[in-house]
PDB file of all heavy atoms in Angstrom:
ATOM      1  N   TYR A   1      88.324 159.646 173.179  1.00  0.00           N
ATOM      2  CA  TYR A   1      89.118 159.131 172.078  1.00  0.00           C
ATOM      3  C   TYR A   1      90.375 158.444 172.592  1.00  0.00           C
ATOM      4  O   TYR A   1      90.884 158.750 173.666  1.00  0.00           O
ATOM      5  CB  TYR A   1      89.544 160.258 171.136  1.00  0.00           C
ATOM      6  CG  TYR A   1      88.409 161.080 170.604  1.00  0.00           C
ATOM      7  CD1 TYR A   1      88.051 162.275 171.224  1.00  0.00           C
ATOM      8  CD2 TYR A   1      87.692 160.672 169.490  1.00  0.00           C
ATOM      9  CE1 TYR A   1      86.999 163.040 170.735  1.00  0.00           C
ATOM     10  CE2 TYR A   1      86.646 161.433 168.997  1.00  0.00           C
ATOM     11  CZ  TYR A   1      86.306 162.611 169.620  1.00  0.00           C
ATOM     12  OH  TYR A   1      85.268 163.362 169.136  1.00  0.00           O
ATOM     13  N   LEU A   2      90.879 157.531 171.793  1.00  0.00           N
ATOM     14  CA  LEU A   2      92.187 156.943 172.023  1.00  0.00           C
ATOM     15  C   LEU A   2      92.939 156.954 170.705  1.00  0.00           C
ATOM     16  O   LEU A   2      92.628 156.169 169.806  1.00  0.00           O
ATOM     17  CB  LEU A   2      92.078 155.518 172.574  1.00  0.00           C
ATOM     18  CG  LEU A   2      93.408 154.880 172.975  1.00  0.00           C
ATOM     19  CD1 LEU A   2      93.990 155.575 174.208  1.00  0.00           C
ATOM     20  CD2 LEU A   2      93.232 153.384 173.244  1.00  0.00           C
ATOM     21  N   GLN A   3      93.902 157.854 170.587  1.00  0.00           N
ATOM     22  CA  GLN A   3      94.767 157.905 169.423  1.00  0.00           C
ATOM     23  C   GLN A   3      95.917 156.944 169.642  1.00  0.00           C
ATOM     24  O   GLN A   3      96.668 157.083 170.607  1.00  0.00           O
ATOM     25  CB  GLN A   3      95.295 159.323 169.202  1.00  0.00           C
ATOM     26  CG  GLN A   3      96.250 159.461 168.028  1.00  0.00           C
ATOM     27  CD  GLN A   3      95.576 159.216 166.698  1.00  0.00           C
ATOM     28  OE1 GLN A   3      94.501 159.750 166.447  1.00  0.00           O
ATOM     29  NE2 GLN A   3      96.186 158.402 165.843  1.00  0.00           N
ATOM     30  N   MET A   4      96.073 155.975 168.758  1.00  0.00           N
ATOM     31  CA  MET A   4      97.076 154.937 168.894  1.00  0.00           C
ATOM     32  C   MET A   4      98.062 155.053 167.741  1.00  0.00           C
ATOM     33  O   MET A   4      97.689 154.860 166.579  1.00  0.00           O
ATOM     34  CB  MET A   4      96.430 153.550 168.911  1.00  0.00           C
ATOM     35  CG  MET A   4      95.350 153.394 169.973  1.00  0.00           C
ATOM     36  SD  MET A   4      94.725 151.700 170.094  1.00  0.00           S
ATOM     37  CE  MET A   4      93.978 151.534 168.470  1.00  0.00           C
ATOM     38  N   ASN A   5      99.300 155.370 168.059  1.00  0.00           N
ATOM     39  CA  ASN A   5     100.363 155.492 167.072  1.00  0.00           C
ATOM     40  C   ASN A   5     101.426 154.436 167.313  1.00  0.00           C
ATOM     41  O   ASN A   5     101.497 153.836 168.382  1.00  0.00           O
ATOM     42  CB  ASN A   5     100.994 156.883 167.139  1.00  0.00           C
ATOM     43  CG  ASN A   5     100.033 157.997 166.833  1.00  0.00           C
ATOM     44  OD1 ASN A   5      99.115 157.844 166.027  1.00  0.00           O
ATOM     45  ND2 ASN A   5     100.239 159.149 167.475  1.00  0.00           N
ATOM     46  N   SER A   6     102.266 154.222 166.314  1.00  0.00           N
ATOM     47  CA  SER A   6     103.356 153.252 166.409  1.00  0.00           C
ATOM     48  C   SER A   6     102.863 151.910 166.919  1.00  0.00           C
ATOM     49  O   SER A   6     103.443 151.309 167.821  1.00  0.00           O
ATOM     50  CB  SER A   6     104.469 153.799 167.310  1.00  0.00           C
ATOM     51  OG  SER A   6     104.970 155.023 166.819  1.00  0.00           O
ATOM     52  N   LEU A   7     101.796 151.425 166.331  1.00  0.00           N
ATOM     53  CA  LEU A   7     101.163 150.202 166.814  1.00  0.00           C
ATOM     54  C   LEU A   7     102.069 148.994 166.628  1.00  0.00           C
ATOM     55  O   LEU A   7     102.813 148.898 165.655  1.00  0.00           O
ATOM     56  CB  LEU A   7      99.834 149.990 166.110  1.00  0.00           C
ATOM     57  CG  LEU A   7      98.697 150.868 166.633  1.00  0.00           C
ATOM     58  CD1 LEU A   7      97.563 150.937 165.629  1.00  0.00           C
ATOM     59  CD2 LEU A   7      98.202 150.329 167.973  1.00  0.00           C
ATOM     60  N   LYS A   8     101.971 148.083 167.580  1.00  0.00           N
ATOM     61  CA  LYS A   8     102.747 146.855 167.599  1.00  0.00           C
ATOM     62  C   LYS A   8     101.800 145.656 167.566  1.00  0.00           C
ATOM     63  O   LYS A   8     100.658 145.767 168.001  1.00  0.00           O
ATOM     64  CB  LYS A   8     103.601 146.779 168.864  1.00  0.00           C
ATOM     65  CG  LYS A   8     104.512 147.971 169.092  1.00  0.00           C
ATOM     66  CD  LYS A   8     105.199 147.867 170.444  1.00  0.00           C
ATOM     67  CE  LYS A   8     106.091 149.058 170.701  1.00  0.00           C
ATOM     68  NZ  LYS A   8     106.752 148.963 172.028  1.00  0.00           N
ATOM     69  N   PRO A   9     102.260 144.503 167.084  1.00  0.00           N
ATOM     70  CA  PRO A   9     101.393 143.318 167.102  1.00  0.00           C
ATOM     71  C   PRO A   9     100.841 142.997 168.486  1.00  0.00           C
ATOM     72  O   PRO A   9      99.708 142.516 168.592  1.00  0.00           O
ATOM     73  CB  PRO A   9     102.317 142.205 166.594  1.00  0.00           C
ATOM     74  CG  PRO A   9     103.276 142.906 165.698  1.00  0.00           C
ATOM     75  CD  PRO A   9     103.519 144.238 166.360  1.00  0.00           C
ATOM     76  N   GLU A  10     101.597 143.264 169.535  1.00  0.00           N
ATOM     77  CA  GLU A  10     101.123 142.993 170.881  1.00  0.00           C
ATOM     78  C   GLU A  10     100.010 143.924 171.337  1.00  0.00           C
ATOM     79  O   GLU A  10      99.427 143.720 172.404  1.00  0.00           O
ATOM     80  CB  GLU A  10     102.281 143.027 171.897  1.00  0.00           C
ATOM     81  CG  GLU A  10     103.142 144.266 171.802  1.00  0.00           C
ATOM     82  CD  GLU A  10     104.412 144.051 171.001  1.00  0.00           C
ATOM     83  OE1 GLU A  10     104.327 143.460 169.900  1.00  0.00           O
ATOM     84  OE2 GLU A  10     105.496 144.462 171.461  1.00  0.00           O
ATOM     85  N   ASP A  11      99.692 144.952 170.546  1.00  0.00           N
ATOM     86  CA  ASP A  11      98.539 145.797 170.820  1.00  0.00           C
ATOM     87  C   ASP A  11      97.234 145.171 170.344  1.00  0.00           C
ATOM     88  O   ASP A  11      96.158 145.710 170.623  1.00  0.00           O
ATOM     89  CB  ASP A  11      98.701 147.164 170.158  1.00  0.00           C
ATOM     90  CG  ASP A  11      99.863 147.960 170.726  1.00  0.00           C
ATOM     91  OD1 ASP A  11     100.042 147.961 171.962  1.00  0.00           O
ATOM     92  OD2 ASP A  11     100.588 148.595 169.934  1.00  0.00           O
ATOM     93  N   THR A  12      97.306 144.061 169.623  1.00  0.00           N
ATOM     94  CA  THR A  12      96.117 143.397 169.122  1.00  0.00           C
ATOM     95  C   THR A  12      95.232 142.951 170.280  1.00  0.00           C
ATOM     96  O   THR A  12      95.671 142.232 171.175  1.00  0.00           O
ATOM     97  CB  THR A  12      96.499 142.194 168.258  1.00  0.00           C
ATOM     98  OG1 THR A  12      97.197 142.642 167.096  1.00  0.00           O
ATOM     99  CG2 THR A  12      95.263 141.419 167.828  1.00  0.00           C
ATOM    100  N   ALA A  13      93.979 143.383 170.267  1.00  0.00           N
ATOM    101  CA  ALA A  13      93.050 143.083 171.352  1.00  0.00           C
ATOM    102  C   ALA A  13      91.693 143.685 171.016  1.00  0.00           C
ATOM    103  O   ALA A  13      91.561 144.470 170.076  1.00  0.00           O
ATOM    104  CB  ALA A  13      93.555 143.652 172.681  1.00  0.00           C
ATOM    105  N   VAL A  14      90.702 143.311 171.804  1.00  0.00           N
ATOM    106  CA  VAL A  14      89.442 144.032 171.821  1.00  0.00           C
ATOM    107  C   VAL A  14      89.599 145.188 172.802  1.00  0.00           C
ATOM    108  O   VAL A  14      89.994 144.981 173.951  1.00  0.00           O
ATOM    109  CB  VAL A  14      88.257 143.138 172.226  1.00  0.00           C
ATOM    110  CG1 VAL A  14      86.977 143.956 172.323  1.00  0.00           C
ATOM    111  CG2 VAL A  14      88.089 141.998 171.227  1.00  0.00           C
ATOM    112  N   TYR A  15      89.297 146.385 172.350  1.00  0.00           N
ATOM    113  CA  TYR A  15      89.437 147.579 173.174  1.00  0.00           C
ATOM    114  C   TYR A  15      88.071 148.022 173.682  1.00  0.00           C
ATOM    115  O   TYR A  15      87.117 148.137 172.911  1.00  0.00           O
ATOM    116  CB  TYR A  15      90.095 148.705 172.379  1.00  0.00           C
ATOM    117  CG  TYR A  15      91.585 148.523 172.235  1.00  0.00           C
ATOM    118  CD1 TYR A  15      92.101 147.521 171.427  1.00  0.00           C
ATOM    119  CD2 TYR A  15      92.482 149.335 172.934  1.00  0.00           C
ATOM    120  CE1 TYR A  15      93.468 147.328 171.312  1.00  0.00           C
ATOM    121  CE2 TYR A  15      93.846 149.154 172.817  1.00  0.00           C
ATOM    122  CZ  TYR A  15      94.333 148.149 172.008  1.00  0.00           C
ATOM    123  OH  TYR A  15      95.694 147.968 171.895  1.00  0.00           O
ATOM    124  N   TYR A  16      87.995 148.278 174.982  1.00  0.00           N
ATOM    125  CA  TYR A  16      86.770 148.676 175.645  1.00  0.00           C
ATOM    126  C   TYR A  16      86.933 150.054 176.271  1.00  0.00           C
ATOM    127  O   TYR A  16      87.967 150.354 176.865  1.00  0.00           O
ATOM    128  CB  TYR A  16      86.408 147.702 176.772  1.00  0.00           C
ATOM    129  CG  TYR A  16      86.168 146.281 176.340  1.00  0.00           C
ATOM    130  CD1 TYR A  16      87.211 145.366 176.269  1.00  0.00           C
ATOM    131  CD2 TYR A  16      84.883 145.850 176.020  1.00  0.00           C
ATOM    132  CE1 TYR A  16      86.990 144.056 175.885  1.00  0.00           C
ATOM    133  CE2 TYR A  16      84.658 144.546 175.640  1.00  0.00           C
ATOM    134  CZ  TYR A  16      85.713 143.649 175.578  1.00  0.00           C
ATOM    135  OH  TYR A  16      85.487 142.351 175.204  1.00  0.00           O
ATOM    136  N   CYS A  17      85.918 150.881 176.165  1.00  0.00           N
ATOM    137  CA  CYS A  17      85.889 152.087 176.970  1.00  0.00           C
ATOM    138  C   CYS A  17      85.004 151.844 178.183  1.00  0.00           C
ATOM    139  O   CYS A  17      84.110 150.989 178.174  1.00  0.00           O
ATOM    140  CB  CYS A  17      85.419 153.310 176.175  1.00  0.00           C
ATOM    141  SG  CYS A  17      83.712 153.279 175.623  1.00  0.00           S
ATOM    142  N   ALA A  18      85.273 152.583 179.245  1.00  0.00           N
ATOM    143  CA  ALA A  18      84.566 152.399 180.495  1.00  0.00           C
ATOM    144  C   ALA A  18      84.466 153.721 181.230  1.00  0.00           C
ATOM    145  O   ALA A  18      85.320 154.596 181.069  1.00  0.00           O
ATOM    146  CB  ALA A  18      85.287 151.363 181.367  1.00  0.00           C
ATOM    147  N   ALA A  19      83.426 153.854 182.032  1.00  0.00           N
ATOM    148  CA  ALA A  19      83.165 155.079 182.776  1.00  0.00           C
ATOM    149  C   ALA A  19      83.198 154.800 184.270  1.00  0.00           C
ATOM    150  O   ALA A  19      82.709 153.768 184.730  1.00  0.00           O
ATOM    151  CB  ALA A  19      81.812 155.667 182.379  1.00  0.00           C
ATOM    152  N   ARG A  20      83.766 155.727 185.028  1.00  0.00           N
ATOM    153  CA  ARG A  20      83.830 155.622 186.479  1.00  0.00           C
ATOM    154  C   ARG A  20      83.303 156.884 187.125  1.00  0.00           C
ATOM    155  O   ARG A  20      83.399 157.977 186.562  1.00  0.00           O
ATOM    156  CB  ARG A  20      85.264 155.356 186.946  1.00  0.00           C
ATOM    157  CG  ARG A  20      86.251 156.442 186.533  1.00  0.00           C
ATOM    158  CD  ARG A  20      87.633 156.227 187.139  1.00  0.00           C
ATOM    159  NE  ARG A  20      88.599 157.167 186.578  1.00  0.00           N
ATOM    160  CZ  ARG A  20      88.794 158.399 187.027  1.00  0.00           C
ATOM    161  NH1 ARG A  20      88.082 158.859 188.067  1.00  0.00           N
ATOM    162  NH2 ARG A  20      89.694 159.188 186.451  1.00  0.00           N
ATOM    163  N   THR A  21      82.765 156.731 188.309  1.00  0.00           N
ATOM    164  CA  THR A  21      82.344 157.873 189.120  1.00  0.00           C
ATOM    165  C   THR A  21      83.295 158.119 190.273  1.00  0.00           C
ATOM    166  O   THR A  21      83.256 159.191 190.876  1.00  0.00           O
ATOM    167  CB  THR A  21      80.928 157.669 189.673  1.00  0.00           C
ATOM    168  OG1 THR A  21      80.872 156.473 190.453  1.00  0.00           O
ATOM    169  CG2 THR A  21      79.927 157.567 188.532  1.00  0.00           C
ATOM    170  N   GLY A  22      84.149 157.149 190.592  1.00  0.00           N
ATOM    171  CA  GLY A  22      85.085 157.286 191.684  1.00  0.00           C
ATOM    172  C   GLY A  22      86.293 158.124 191.313  1.00  0.00           C
ATOM    173  O   GLY A  22      86.463 158.553 190.173  1.00  0.00           O
ATOM    174  N   ARG A  23      87.154 158.324 192.310  1.00  0.00           N
ATOM    175  CA  ARG A  23      88.330 159.167 192.135  1.00  0.00           C
ATOM    176  C   ARG A  23      89.565 158.396 191.726  1.00  0.00           C
ATOM    177  O   ARG A  23      90.579 159.012 191.396  1.00  0.00           O
ATOM    178  CB  ARG A  23      88.622 159.916 193.442  1.00  0.00           C
ATOM    179  CG  ARG A  23      87.493 160.815 193.916  1.00  0.00           C
ATOM    180  CD  ARG A  23      87.477 162.108 193.146  1.00  0.00           C
ATOM    181  NE  ARG A  23      86.564 163.068 193.737  1.00  0.00           N
ATOM    182  CZ  ARG A  23      85.380 163.382 193.235  1.00  0.00           C
ATOM    183  NH1 ARG A  23      84.954 162.810 192.124  1.00  0.00           N
ATOM    184  NH2 ARG A  23      84.614 164.281 193.844  1.00  0.00           N
ATOM    185  N   VAL A  24      89.499 157.070 191.734  1.00  0.00           N
ATOM    186  CA  VAL A  24      90.651 156.237 191.456  1.00  0.00           C
ATOM    187  C   VAL A  24      90.518 155.625 190.072  1.00  0.00           C
ATOM    188  O   VAL A  24      89.456 155.129 189.689  1.00  0.00           O
ATOM    189  CB  VAL A  24      90.809 155.135 192.525  1.00  0.00           C
ATOM    190  CG1 VAL A  24      92.007 154.251 192.204  1.00  0.00           C
ATOM    191  CG2 VAL A  24      90.951 155.750 193.904  1.00  0.00           C
ATOM    192  N   ALA A  25      91.613 155.646 189.322  1.00  0.00           N
ATOM    193  CA  ALA A  25      91.637 155.119 187.966  1.00  0.00           C
ATOM    194  C   ALA A  25      92.539 153.902 187.873  1.00  0.00           C
ATOM    195  O   ALA A  25      93.431 153.710 188.699  1.00  0.00           O
ATOM    196  CB  ALA A  25      92.129 156.193 186.996  1.00  0.00           C
ATOM    197  N   GLY A  26      92.302 153.063 186.859  1.00  0.00           N
ATOM    198  CA  GLY A  26      93.231 152.014 186.509  1.00  0.00           C
ATOM    199  C   GLY A  26      92.829 150.592 186.850  1.00  0.00           C
ATOM    200  O   GLY A  26      93.350 149.656 186.248  1.00  0.00           O
ATOM    201  N   LYS A  27      91.933 150.402 187.802  1.00  0.00           N
ATOM    202  CA  LYS A  27      91.477 149.072 188.195  1.00  0.00           C
ATOM    203  C   LYS A  27      90.089 148.844 187.612  1.00  0.00           C
ATOM    204  O   LYS A  27      89.176 149.632 187.845  1.00  0.00           O
ATOM    205  CB  LYS A  27      91.439 148.929 189.708  1.00  0.00           C
ATOM    206  CG  LYS A  27      92.773 149.197 190.395  1.00  0.00           C
ATOM    207  CD  LYS A  27      93.650 147.976 190.376  1.00  0.00           C
ATOM    208  CE  LYS A  27      94.998 148.235 191.045  1.00  0.00           C
ATOM    209  NZ  LYS A  27      94.881 148.750 192.420  1.00  0.00           N
ATOM    210  N   GLU A  28      89.919 147.745 186.873  1.00  0.00           N
ATOM    211  CA  GLU A  28      88.670 147.555 186.151  1.00  0.00           C
ATOM    212  C   GLU A  28      87.460 147.464 187.063  1.00  0.00           C
ATOM    213  O   GLU A  28      86.359 147.858 186.665  1.00  0.00           O
ATOM    214  CB  GLU A  28      88.736 146.340 185.230  1.00  0.00           C
ATOM    215  CG  GLU A  28      88.834 145.001 185.901  1.00  0.00           C
ATOM    216  CD  GLU A  28      88.806 143.879 184.874  1.00  0.00           C
ATOM    217  OE1 GLU A  28      87.702 143.530 184.417  1.00  0.00           O
ATOM    218  OE2 GLU A  28      89.893 143.387 184.521  1.00  0.00           O
ATOM    219  N   GLU A  29      87.642 146.985 188.289  1.00  0.00           N
ATOM    220  CA  GLU A  29      86.518 146.873 189.207  1.00  0.00           C
ATOM    221  C   GLU A  29      85.999 148.223 189.676  1.00  0.00           C
ATOM    222  O   GLU A  29      84.922 148.300 190.272  1.00  0.00           O
ATOM    223  CB  GLU A  29      86.889 146.005 190.425  1.00  0.00           C
ATOM    224  CG  GLU A  29      88.000 146.579 191.286  1.00  0.00           C
ATOM    225  CD  GLU A  29      89.371 146.061 190.913  1.00  0.00           C
ATOM    226  OE1 GLU A  29      89.563 145.660 189.743  1.00  0.00           O
ATOM    227  OE2 GLU A  29      90.252 146.047 191.785  1.00  0.00           O
ATOM    228  N   LEU A  30      86.716 149.296 189.396  1.00  0.00           N
ATOM    229  CA  LEU A  30      86.315 150.638 189.797  1.00  0.00           C
ATOM    230  C   LEU A  30      85.486 151.353 188.736  1.00  0.00           C
ATOM    231  O   LEU A  30      85.036 152.471 188.974  1.00  0.00           O
ATOM    232  CB  LEU A  30      87.543 151.477 190.129  1.00  0.00           C
ATOM    233  CG  LEU A  30      88.440 150.921 191.245  1.00  0.00           C
ATOM    234  CD1 LEU A  30      89.668 151.796 191.419  1.00  0.00           C
ATOM    235  CD2 LEU A  30      87.670 150.813 192.556  1.00  0.00           C
ATOM    236  N   TYR A  31      85.268 150.725 187.604  1.00  0.00           N
ATOM    237  CA  TYR A  31      84.507 151.331 186.522  1.00  0.00           C
ATOM    238  C   TYR A  31      83.085 150.795 186.514  1.00  0.00           C
ATOM    239  O   TYR A  31      82.856 149.595 186.671  1.00  0.00           O
ATOM    240  CB  TYR A  31      85.207 151.095 185.177  1.00  0.00           C
ATOM    241  CG  TYR A  31      86.517 151.842 185.092  1.00  0.00           C
ATOM    242  CD1 TYR A  31      87.650 151.375 185.746  1.00  0.00           C
ATOM    243  CD2 TYR A  31      86.614 153.036 184.384  1.00  0.00           C
ATOM    244  CE1 TYR A  31      88.840 152.075 185.699  1.00  0.00           C
ATOM    245  CE2 TYR A  31      87.803 153.736 184.324  1.00  0.00           C
ATOM    246  CZ  TYR A  31      88.912 153.258 184.984  1.00  0.00           C
ATOM    247  OH  TYR A  31      90.100 153.959 184.934  1.00  0.00           O
ATOM    248  N   ASP A  32      82.141 151.687 186.310  1.00  0.00           N
ATOM    249  CA  ASP A  32      80.731 151.377 186.496  1.00  0.00           C
ATOM    250  C   ASP A  32      80.017 150.966 185.210  1.00  0.00           C
ATOM    251  O   ASP A  32      79.040 150.214 185.258  1.00  0.00           O
ATOM    252  CB  ASP A  32      80.017 152.589 187.100  1.00  0.00           C
ATOM    253  CG  ASP A  32      80.649 153.035 188.406  1.00  0.00           C
ATOM    254  OD1 ASP A  32      80.581 152.271 189.386  1.00  0.00           O
ATOM    255  OD2 ASP A  32      81.213 154.148 188.441  1.00  0.00           O
ATOM    256  N   TYR A  33      80.459 151.472 184.068  1.00  0.00           N
ATOM    257  CA  TYR A  33      79.817 151.200 182.788  1.00  0.00           C
ATOM    258  C   TYR A  33      80.860 150.827 181.757  1.00  0.00           C
ATOM    259  O   TYR A  33      81.966 151.373 181.749  1.00  0.00           O
ATOM    260  CB  TYR A  33      79.023 152.422 182.309  1.00  0.00           C
ATOM    261  CG  TYR A  33      77.954 152.860 183.272  1.00  0.00           C
ATOM    262  CD1 TYR A  33      78.171 153.905 184.158  1.00  0.00           C
ATOM    263  CD2 TYR A  33      76.715 152.223 183.300  1.00  0.00           C
ATOM    264  CE1 TYR A  33      77.196 154.307 185.049  1.00  0.00           C
ATOM    265  CE2 TYR A  33      75.737 152.620 184.190  1.00  0.00           C
ATOM    266  CZ  TYR A  33      75.983 153.661 185.062  1.00  0.00           C
ATOM    267  OH  TYR A  33      75.002 154.050 185.946  1.00  0.00           O
ATOM    268  N   TRP A  34      80.473 149.928 180.852  1.00  0.00           N
ATOM    269  CA  TRP A  34      81.387 149.405 179.837  1.00  0.00           C
ATOM    270  C   TRP A  34      80.732 149.381 178.471  1.00  0.00           C
ATOM    271  O   TRP A  34      79.538 149.116 178.349  1.00  0.00           O
ATOM    272  CB  TRP A  34      81.829 147.985 180.193  1.00  0.00           C
ATOM    273  CG  TRP A  34      82.669 147.922 181.420  1.00  0.00           C
ATOM    274  CD1 TRP A  34      82.229 147.917 182.714  1.00  0.00           C
ATOM    275  CD2 TRP A  34      84.094 147.857 181.472  1.00  0.00           C
ATOM    276  NE1 TRP A  34      83.305 147.853 183.574  1.00  0.00           N
ATOM    277  CE2 TRP A  34      84.454 147.817 182.842  1.00  0.00           C
ATOM    278  CE3 TRP A  34      85.098 147.825 180.509  1.00  0.00           C
ATOM    279  CZ2 TRP A  34      85.782 147.745 183.255  1.00  0.00           C
ATOM    280  CZ3 TRP A  34      86.408 147.756 180.915  1.00  0.00           C
ATOM    281  CH2 TRP A  34      86.742 147.712 182.275  1.00  0.00           C
ATOM    282  N   GLY A  35      81.528 149.647 177.438  1.00  0.00           N
ATOM    283  CA  GLY A  35      81.066 149.489 176.075  1.00  0.00           C
ATOM    284  C   GLY A  35      81.184 148.052 175.611  1.00  0.00           C
ATOM    285  O   GLY A  35      81.640 147.162 176.346  1.00  0.00           O
ATOM    286  N   GLN A  36      80.783 147.811 174.366  1.00  0.00           N
ATOM    287  CA  GLN A  36      80.768 146.452 173.818  1.00  0.00           C
ATOM    288  C   GLN A  36      82.116 146.016 173.266  1.00  0.00           C
ATOM    289  O   GLN A  36      82.324 144.829 173.023  1.00  0.00           O
ATOM    290  CB  GLN A  36      79.700 146.346 172.724  1.00  0.00           C
ATOM    291  CG  GLN A  36      80.137 146.790 171.329  1.00  0.00           C
ATOM    292  CD  GLN A  36      80.342 148.292 171.190  1.00  0.00           C
ATOM    293  OE1 GLN A  36      79.931 149.079 172.036  1.00  0.00           O
ATOM    294  NE2 GLN A  36      80.985 148.700 170.096  1.00  0.00           N
ATOM    295  N   GLY A  37      83.015 146.948 173.054  1.00  0.00           N
ATOM    296  CA  GLY A  37      84.337 146.647 172.560  1.00  0.00           C
ATOM    297  C   GLY A  37      84.467 146.804 171.059  1.00  0.00           C
ATOM    298  O   GLY A  37      83.503 146.659 170.312  1.00  0.00           O
ATOM    299  N   THR A  38      85.680 147.108 170.610  1.00  0.00           N
ATOM    300  CA  THR A  38      85.997 147.185 169.188  1.00  0.00           C
ATOM    301  C   THR A  38      87.335 146.495 168.949  1.00  0.00           C
ATOM    302  O   THR A  38      88.283 146.669 169.712  1.00  0.00           O
ATOM    303  CB  THR A  38      86.014 148.650 168.695  1.00  0.00           C
ATOM    304  OG1 THR A  38      86.193 148.685 167.278  1.00  0.00           O
ATOM    305  CG2 THR A  38      87.114 149.463 169.364  1.00  0.00           C
ATOM    306  N   GLN A  39      87.409 145.699 167.891  1.00  0.00           N
ATOM    307  CA  GLN A  39      88.589 144.881 167.623  1.00  0.00           C
ATOM    308  C   GLN A  39      89.679 145.704 166.959  1.00  0.00           C
ATOM    309  O   GLN A  39      89.435 146.409 165.970  1.00  0.00           O
ATOM    310  CB  GLN A  39      88.222 143.698 166.726  1.00  0.00           C
ATOM    311  CG  GLN A  39      89.410 142.826 166.323  1.00  0.00           C
ATOM    312  CD  GLN A  39      89.949 142.015 167.478  1.00  0.00           C
ATOM    313  OE1 GLN A  39      89.185 141.378 168.209  1.00  0.00           O
ATOM    314  NE2 GLN A  39      91.274 142.047 167.654  1.00  0.00           N
ATOM    315  N   VAL A  40      90.888 145.596 167.485  1.00  0.00           N
ATOM    316  CA  VAL A  40      92.076 146.176 166.877  1.00  0.00           C
ATOM    317  C   VAL A  40      93.044 145.039 166.581  1.00  0.00           C
ATOM    318  O   VAL A  40      93.416 144.285 167.480  1.00  0.00           O
ATOM    319  CB  VAL A  40      92.747 147.209 167.794  1.00  0.00           C
ATOM    320  CG1 VAL A  40      94.094 147.651 167.220  1.00  0.00           C
ATOM    321  CG2 VAL A  40      91.833 148.403 167.996  1.00  0.00           C
ATOM    322  N   THR A  41      93.440 144.914 165.324  1.00  0.00           N
ATOM    323  CA  THR A  41      94.379 143.875 164.913  1.00  0.00           C
ATOM    324  C   THR A  41      95.571 144.528 164.231  1.00  0.00           C
ATOM    325  O   THR A  41      95.401 145.274 163.261  1.00  0.00           O
ATOM    326  CB  THR A  41      93.722 142.869 163.960  1.00  0.00           C
ATOM    327  OG1 THR A  41      92.580 142.283 164.589  1.00  0.00           O
ATOM    328  CG2 THR A  41      94.705 141.771 163.584  1.00  0.00           C
ATOM    329  N   VAL A  42      96.763 144.253 164.732  1.00  0.00           N
ATOM    330  CA  VAL A  42      97.994 144.826 164.203  1.00  0.00           C
ATOM    331  C   VAL A  42      98.811 143.691 163.603  1.00  0.00           C
ATOM    332  O   VAL A  42      99.215 142.761 164.307  1.00  0.00           O
ATOM    333  CB  VAL A  42      98.801 145.552 165.281  1.00  0.00           C
ATOM    334  CG1 VAL A  42     100.026 146.220 164.666  1.00  0.00           C
ATOM    335  CG2 VAL A  42      97.927 146.585 165.990  1.00  0.00           C
TER     336      VAL A  42
END
């Protein structure tokens, strides 16, 4: 889950979840699987 509070217009984007098997987080090239995305508009 991603609970998003105090949303700002700059949060507007397509949000994707992704899965990794490695030990390092934060770099998109380190994630192995991706969802299709869901639109968030503020």
